[in-house]
Amino acid sequence: MAVKLAQPLKQLLKASFLGGNKNHPLAGWHILTMLYHDGGSRDPLTLNYLLDRYNQDYLDANERPLRDEVWQIARNNLNEFNDVN
């Protein structure tokens, strides 16, 4: 199970809007978290693995499962952010 975020941190991360989607404001942060925590595993971190893991472990109670199209937008936003910095 994913670690629950403290409310002040959650509000700060929502404001950063890394995922680029109002329905999944923490998607970008959770993608980075999964990459960091699971990056050392022997199994490859495929897009399908990350999407399934997000939908299984990181959704808030009021969130619908993340769709592939939204996942692609969040991933592209993170790529753009990485290219700028």
Foldseek 3Di string as FASTA:
>chain_A
DDDDDDPVVVVVQLVVQLLVDPLCSCLLVLLVVCCVVVVPDPDDDDLVNSLVCCQVPPDDPPHDRDDPVSSVSSVVSVVVVVVVD
